[in-house]
C-alpha atoms as a PDB file:
ATOM      1  CA  MET A   1       8.145  -4.828   9.532  1.00  0.00           C
ATOM      2  CA  SER A   2      11.394  -4.838   7.121  1.00  0.00           C
ATOM      3  CA  LEU A   3      13.718  -1.231   7.310  1.00  0.00           C
ATOM      4  CA  ASN A   4      15.488   0.026   4.586  1.00  0.00           C
ATOM      5  CA  ARG A   5      19.487   0.048   4.330  1.00  0.00           C
ATOM      6  CA  ASN A   6      19.693   2.955   6.724  1.00  0.00           C
ATOM      7  CA  GLY A   7      17.011   1.897   9.111  1.00  0.00           C
ATOM      8  CA  ARG A   8      14.683   4.581   8.545  1.00  0.00           C
ATOM      9  CA  GLU A   9      11.788   3.666   6.303  1.00  0.00           C
ATOM     10  CA  ILE A  10       9.847   0.957   6.651  1.00  0.00           C
ATOM     11  CA  THR A  11       9.968  -1.131   2.933  1.00  0.00           C
ATOM     12  CA  ARG A  12       7.355  -3.840   3.877  1.00  0.00           C
ATOM     13  CA  VAL A  13       5.036  -4.993   6.345  1.00  0.00           C
ATOM     14  CA  GLU A  14       3.922  -8.428   7.104  1.00  0.00           C
ATOM     15  CA  VAL A  15       1.095 -10.211   9.172  1.00  0.00           C
ATOM     16  CA  LEU A  16       2.554 -13.121  11.191  1.00  0.00           C
ATOM     17  CA  GLU A  17      -1.102 -14.155  13.018  1.00  0.00           C
ATOM     18  CA  ALA A  18      -4.320 -13.111  12.648  1.00  0.00           C
ATOM     19  CA  ALA A  19      -7.797 -14.819  13.476  1.00  0.00           C
ATOM     20  CA  HIS A  20      -6.220 -17.330  15.830  1.00  0.00           C
ATOM     21  CA  PRO A  21      -9.052 -18.729  17.621  1.00  0.00           C
ATOM     22  CA  ALA A  22      -7.777 -18.498  20.887  1.00  0.00           C
ATOM     23  CA  PHE A  23      -7.763 -14.605  20.189  1.00  0.00           C
ATOM     24  CA  ALA A  24      -9.476 -12.515  22.737  1.00  0.00           C
ATOM     25  CA  ASP A  25      -7.523  -8.994  22.966  1.00  0.00           C
ATOM     26  CA  PRO A  26      -3.854 -10.645  21.869  1.00  0.00           C
ATOM     27  CA  THR A  27      -1.427  -8.363  24.002  1.00  0.00           C
ATOM     28  CA  LEU A  28       2.191  -8.258  25.373  1.00  0.00           C
ATOM     29  CA  GLY A  29       4.744  -9.914  24.260  1.00  0.00           C
ATOM     30  CA  VAL A  30       8.447 -11.240  24.289  1.00  0.00           C
ATOM     31  CA  VAL A  31      11.285 -12.455  21.789  1.00  0.00           C
ATOM     32  CA  ARG A  32      13.520 -14.929  22.935  1.00  0.00           C
ATOM     33  CA  GLY A  33      15.869 -16.119  20.105  1.00  0.00           C
ATOM     34  CA  ASP A  34      14.003 -16.646  17.061  1.00  0.00           C
ATOM     35  CA  THR A  35      10.701 -17.032  18.992  1.00  0.00           C
ATOM     36  CA  LEU A  36       8.046 -14.318  20.021  1.00  0.00           C
ATOM     37  CA  PHE A  37       5.954 -15.577  22.567  1.00  0.00           C
ATOM     38  CA  PHE A  38       2.284 -13.064  23.228  1.00  0.00           C
ATOM     39  CA  VAL A  39      -0.345 -13.658  25.209  1.00  0.00           C
ATOM     40  CA  ALA A  40      -3.484 -14.231  22.885  1.00  0.00           C
ATOM     41  CA  ASN A  41      -6.315 -13.825  25.520  1.00  0.00           C
ATOM     42  CA  SER A  42      -5.605 -10.996  27.507  1.00  0.00           C
ATOM     43  CA  GLN A  43      -9.218 -10.490  28.327  1.00  0.00           C
ATOM     44  CA  TRP A  44      -8.807  -6.530  29.419  1.00  0.00           C
ATOM     45  CA  SER A  45     -12.720  -5.911  28.800  1.00  0.00           C
ATOM     46  CA  LEU A  46     -13.495  -8.392  32.184  1.00  0.00           C
ATOM     47  CA  PHE A  47     -11.660  -6.246  34.160  1.00  0.00           C
ATOM     48  CA  ALA A  48     -13.191  -2.786  32.679  1.00  0.00           C
ATOM     49  CA  ASP A  49     -15.984  -0.638  34.560  1.00  0.00           C
ATOM     50  CA  GLY A  50     -14.819  -2.192  38.353  1.00  0.00           C
ATOM     51  CA  ALA A  51     -15.531  -5.523  37.476  1.00  0.00           C
ATOM     52  CA  ASP A  52     -13.096  -8.467  38.960  1.00  0.00           C
ATOM     53  CA  GLY A  53     -12.511 -10.251  36.187  1.00  0.00           C
ATOM     54  CA  SER A  54     -14.045 -13.760  37.404  1.00  0.00           C
ATOM     55  CA  ASP A  55     -15.294 -14.739  34.170  1.00  0.00           C
ATOM     56  CA  ALA A  56     -11.591 -14.716  32.507  1.00  0.00           C
ATOM     57  CA  GLU A  57     -10.225 -18.419  31.445  1.00  0.00           C
ATOM     58  CA  PRO A  58      -6.873 -19.487  31.822  1.00  0.00           C
ATOM     59  CA  PRO A  59      -4.085 -17.294  29.748  1.00  0.00           C
ATOM     60  CA  VAL A  60      -3.068 -18.729  26.805  1.00  0.00           C
ATOM     61  CA  VAL A  61       0.445 -18.327  25.515  1.00  0.00           C
ATOM     62  CA  LEU A  62       1.242 -19.005  22.306  1.00  0.00           C
ATOM     63  CA  GLU A  63       4.534 -19.198  20.251  1.00  0.00           C
ATOM     64  CA  LEU A  64       5.415 -17.865  16.829  1.00  0.00           C
ATOM     65  CA  GLY A  65       8.900 -18.596  15.037  1.00  0.00           C
ATOM     66  CA  LEU A  66      10.333 -14.976  13.274  1.00  0.00           C
ATOM     67  CA  VAL A  67      13.023 -16.889  11.244  1.00  0.00           C
ATOM     68  CA  PRO A  68      11.571 -18.597   8.100  1.00  0.00           C
END
């Protein structure tokens, strides 16, 4: 999101990643330097209603550069 000069209004929104093949409930991220690291496959649904998550796949962490 881009903000106006006073930082109080969003002037532009840009999607940085969409429809990645590893996506399964993407969530949780952290910015380090100019890179966003985020979990692509949280698989929250595998833990719903008391399920133990035994069918979960290994986590996939993706990197996304934030500077063009």
